[in-house]
Protein backbone atom coordinates (compact mmCIF):
# COMPACT_ATOMS: atom_id res chain seq x y z
CA UNK A 1 160.40 17.34 135.14
CA UNK A 2 157.05 15.61 134.51
CA UNK A 3 154.58 17.17 132.11
CA UNK A 4 151.44 15.47 130.74
CA UNK A 5 152.79 12.15 132.07
CA UNK A 6 155.94 12.47 129.92
CA UNK A 7 159.34 12.70 131.58
CA UNK A 8 161.39 15.55 130.14
CA UNK A 9 165.13 15.32 130.56
CA UNK A 10 167.28 18.46 130.87
CA UNK A 11 164.18 20.67 131.06
CA UNK A 12 165.59 23.89 132.56
CA UNK A 13 162.44 25.98 132.95
CA UNK A 14 162.90 26.38 136.71
CA UNK A 15 166.43 27.72 136.17
CA UNK A 16 165.16 30.04 133.45
CA UNK A 17 162.35 31.25 135.72
CA UNK A 18 164.76 32.06 138.54
CA UNK A 19 167.15 33.89 136.22
CA UNK A 20 164.36 35.80 134.47
CA UNK A 21 162.80 37.02 137.68
CA UNK A 22 166.18 37.99 139.00
CA UNK A 23 166.77 40.14 135.94
CA UNK A 24 163.42 41.78 136.54
CA UNK A 25 164.46 42.63 140.14
CA UNK A 26 161.48 40.81 141.60
CA UNK A 27 163.21 38.24 143.82
CA UNK A 28 166.14 37.98 146.22
CA UNK A 29 169.52 36.70 145.19
CA UNK A 30 171.15 34.59 147.91
CA UNK A 31 174.55 36.25 147.45
CA UNK A 32 173.30 39.83 147.19
CA UNK A 33 171.45 42.20 149.53
CA UNK A 34 167.79 43.00 148.99
CA UNK A 35 167.35 44.23 145.43
CA UNK A 36 165.05 47.05 144.39
CA UNK A 37 161.52 45.75 144.33
CA UNK A 38 158.76 48.13 143.23
CA UNK A 39 155.92 45.60 143.49
CA UNK A 40 155.90 43.59 146.70
CA UNK A 41 155.66 46.39 149.30
CA UNK A 42 153.02 48.33 147.38
CA UNK A 43 149.86 46.26 148.10
CA UNK A 44 150.42 46.62 151.84
CA UNK A 45 151.13 50.34 151.64
CA UNK A 46 148.29 51.44 149.34
CA UNK A 47 144.68 50.73 150.30
CA UNK A 48 143.06 51.41 146.90
CA UNK A 49 145.63 50.69 144.24
CA UNK A 50 147.26 47.26 143.98
CA UNK A 51 150.16 46.12 141.85
CA UNK A 52 151.42 42.64 141.03
CA UNK A 53 153.41 40.48 138.68
CA UNK A 54 152.03 37.94 136.21
CA UNK A 55 154.46 35.27 135.00
CA UNK A 56 153.33 32.69 132.44
CA UNK A 57 155.81 29.92 131.58
CA UNK A 58 155.37 28.54 128.07
CA UNK A 59 156.59 25.25 126.63
CA UNK A 60 156.44 24.02 123.04
CA UNK A 61 157.29 20.40 122.23
CA UNK A 62 159.52 19.92 119.20
CA UNK A 63 159.35 16.22 118.26
CA UNK A 64 160.78 15.19 114.91
CA UNK A 65 158.15 13.55 112.64
CA UNK A 66 159.04 10.01 111.54
CA UNK A 67 158.46 10.76 107.84
CA UNK A 68 161.34 13.27 107.65
CA UNK A 69 164.51 11.95 106.04
CA UNK A 70 167.58 13.89 104.97
CA UNK A 71 170.98 13.16 103.51
CA UNK A 72 174.20 15.10 103.93
CA UNK A 73 177.61 14.69 102.37
CA UNK A 74 180.84 16.30 103.60
CA UNK A 75 184.05 16.25 101.55
CA UNK A 76 187.51 17.51 102.48
CA UNK A 77 189.79 18.61 99.62
CA UNK A 78 193.47 17.81 99.95
CA UNK A 79 194.62 20.79 97.88
CA UNK A 80 193.87 23.42 100.53
CA UNK A 81 192.00 21.59 103.28
CA UNK A 82 188.69 23.21 102.38
CA UNK A 83 185.45 21.44 103.31
CA UNK A 84 182.43 21.14 101.04
CA UNK A 85 178.95 20.34 102.34
CA UNK A 86 176.00 19.20 100.28
CA UNK A 87 172.76 18.49 102.11
CA UNK A 88 169.15 17.73 101.34
CA UNK A 89 167.70 20.90 102.85
CA UNK A 90 166.69 24.06 101.04
CA UNK A 91 168.09 27.44 102.08
CA UNK A 92 165.25 29.97 101.93
CA UNK A 93 166.54 32.65 104.28
CA UNK A 94 166.21 30.67 107.50
CA UNK A 95 169.97 30.16 107.80
CA UNK A 96 170.21 26.41 107.28
CA UNK A 97 173.46 26.75 105.31
CA UNK A 98 175.03 28.97 107.96
CA UNK A 99 174.06 26.55 110.70
CA UNK A 100 175.45 23.57 108.76
CA UNK A 101 178.73 25.41 108.15
CA UNK A 102 179.04 26.38 111.83
CA UNK A 103 178.44 22.80 112.95
CA UNK A 104 181.04 21.49 110.50
CA UNK A 105 183.64 24.06 111.54
CA UNK A 106 183.10 23.37 115.25
CA UNK A 107 183.17 19.58 114.85
CA UNK A 108 186.25 19.45 112.63
CA UNK A 109 188.01 22.24 114.50
CA UNK A 110 188.69 24.38 111.43
CA UNK A 111 187.99 28.00 110.51
CA UNK A 112 184.65 28.97 109.00
CA UNK A 113 186.30 30.36 105.87
CA UNK A 114 187.31 26.80 104.94
CA UNK A 115 183.67 25.65 104.85
CA UNK A 116 181.65 25.89 101.64
CA UNK A 117 178.01 24.82 101.33
CA UNK A 118 177.21 23.61 97.83
CA UNK A 119 173.78 23.80 96.16
CA UNK A 120 171.43 20.93 96.95
CA UNK A 121 171.73 18.13 94.40
CA UNK A 122 169.21 15.33 93.94
CA UNK A 123 172.12 13.23 92.66
CA UNK A 124 174.35 13.66 95.73
CA UNK A 125 171.68 13.75 98.45
CA UNK A 126 168.79 11.98 96.75
CA UNK A 127 165.41 11.25 98.35
CA UNK A 128 165.57 13.95 101.01
CA UNK A 129 162.15 15.12 102.16
CA UNK A 130 160.72 18.62 102.29
CA UNK A 131 162.26 21.47 104.27
CA UNK A 132 159.83 23.18 106.61
CA UNK A 133 158.31 23.71 110.04
CA UNK A 134 161.77 24.52 111.51
CA UNK A 135 162.75 20.84 111.39
CA UNK A 136 165.15 20.93 108.46
CA UNK A 137 167.86 23.08 110.03
CA UNK A 138 168.24 20.92 113.14
CA UNK A 139 168.13 17.64 111.25
CA UNK A 140 170.57 18.75 108.57
CA UNK A 141 172.92 20.02 111.28
CA UNK A 142 172.71 16.62 112.97
CA UNK A 143 173.54 14.82 109.72
CA UNK A 144 176.45 17.17 109.01
CA UNK A 145 177.78 16.67 112.53
CA UNK A 146 177.69 12.88 112.12
CA UNK A 147 179.63 13.15 108.85
CA UNK A 148 182.23 15.41 110.41
CA UNK A 149 182.60 13.22 113.50
CA UNK A 150 183.43 10.23 111.31
CA UNK A 151 185.88 12.24 109.22
CA UNK A 152 187.55 13.66 112.29
CA UNK A 153 187.90 10.20 113.79
CA UNK A 154 189.71 8.98 110.66
CA UNK A 155 192.04 11.98 110.68
CA UNK A 156 192.67 11.66 114.42
CA UNK A 157 193.54 7.99 113.97
CA UNK A 158 195.94 8.91 111.16
CA UNK A 159 197.49 11.70 113.24
CA UNK A 160 198.35 9.15 115.94
CA UNK A 161 200.55 7.34 113.44
CA UNK A 162 202.65 10.46 112.85
CA UNK A 163 205.63 11.48 114.94
CA UNK A 164 204.79 15.21 114.90
CA UNK A 165 201.55 17.16 115.26
CA UNK A 166 200.42 18.16 111.78
CA UNK A 167 198.59 21.32 110.79
CA UNK A 168 195.23 20.87 109.10
CA UNK A 169 196.32 21.31 105.41
CA UNK A 170 199.34 19.04 105.86
CA UNK A 171 197.31 16.48 107.78
CA UNK A 172 194.73 16.28 104.99
CA UNK A 173 197.37 15.95 102.26
CA UNK A 174 199.26 13.16 104.01
CA UNK A 175 196.05 11.36 104.96
CA UNK A 176 194.95 11.24 101.34
CA UNK A 177 198.39 9.91 100.32
CA UNK A 178 197.82 7.08 102.78
CA UNK A 179 194.37 6.36 101.23
CA UNK A 180 192.27 7.83 104.04
CA UNK A 181 188.76 8.47 102.70
CA UNK A 182 188.04 12.21 103.01
CA UNK A 183 184.36 12.00 102.04
CA UNK A 184 181.49 10.93 104.26
CA UNK A 185 177.77 10.66 103.63
CA UNK A 186 175.07 10.29 106.26
CA UNK A 187 171.42 9.32 105.86
CA UNK A 188 169.30 10.66 108.69
CA UNK A 189 165.91 9.29 109.70
CA UNK A 190 163.97 9.60 112.93
CA UNK A 191 162.41 6.17 112.44
CA UNK A 192 164.29 3.66 114.60
CA UNK A 193 164.74 0.93 112.01
CA UNK A 194 166.72 -2.26 112.69
CA UNK A 195 170.40 -1.40 112.84
CA UNK A 196 169.81 2.18 113.89
CA UNK A 197 170.64 3.26 117.42
CA UNK A 198 168.99 6.19 119.24
CA UNK A 199 172.21 8.12 118.61
CA UNK A 200 171.51 7.87 114.87
CA UNK A 201 168.63 10.31 115.27
CA UNK A 202 168.40 13.78 116.77
CA UNK A 203 166.74 13.97 120.17
CA UNK A 204 163.31 15.55 120.54
CA UNK A 205 163.57 18.97 122.08
CA UNK A 206 161.37 21.50 123.83
CA UNK A 207 161.41 25.25 123.44
CA UNK A 208 159.54 27.90 125.36
CA UNK A 209 159.41 31.37 126.80
CA UNK A 210 158.63 33.23 129.96
CA UNK A 211 156.68 36.49 129.56
CA UNK A 212 156.34 38.66 132.67
CA UNK A 213 153.78 41.45 132.96
CA UNK A 214 153.45 44.14 135.59
CA UNK A 215 149.80 44.45 136.69
CA UNK A 216 147.96 47.33 138.35
CA UNK A 217 144.39 47.28 139.65
CA UNK A 218 142.18 49.72 141.52
CA UNK A 219 139.91 48.44 144.29
C-alpha cells in the first residue's frame, strides 16, 4: 500500500474495509446469498428522498521518535520460578505494567501469576526517557520481549542437555545449579547506531479507524 510516497507493509485497511461493510450489511459476501440492504435500492425507488452511505477510512502514523530510550530488566528466581520485571516506564493507569507482564508470560510460556512488575528504579533501569504519547507501553513491551527471548533461549539450550522434559520450576532450579544466568537486561533505542540491527528496535506502526454513516437527503 502506497501512501504519501511511503510504502506501508502489512497495511490491512482494505481487509478492514471489506469486513466492516460486511458487518453493516451493505455489501455482498461471495459465499452467502444477497444480504439485507436498506440503502442501495432506495434511491431508485423514491423520487424525492435519497439515502446513502458515507465511509471515511482514517490512518494515523505511529513512528517512534529517535530520542526515546528505555531499559528493561527481567529476572527469574530459582526458588519458585517467579519472574520479576523492572522497566523504565511509568505506570499511570494506561496499563503499561499489565502489557509488560502479558508479553513476558507469553514469551516465556509461563502463567501470568508468576509475573511480578517491580517499581521503576533509576538504579536498575537508569537513563530511561519520559513516558508519554502512547509510546512507552509499546517500547517497554518490546524491551521486555527481547529480555525474555534471550532468557528462554538459554533455558531451551539447557533443556536440550537433559534426558527428560523438565517442568518450569525444576528447569529453573537445575539451570541455576549449572550457572545459567537467569537475569537479562535490554537497552532499547530507536536510533540505529553502529552495532544495532533493525530488529533491535520496534517497527513503526500505523493505526486507524473506519467510521460509517448512514445519510438521508431530500431533493
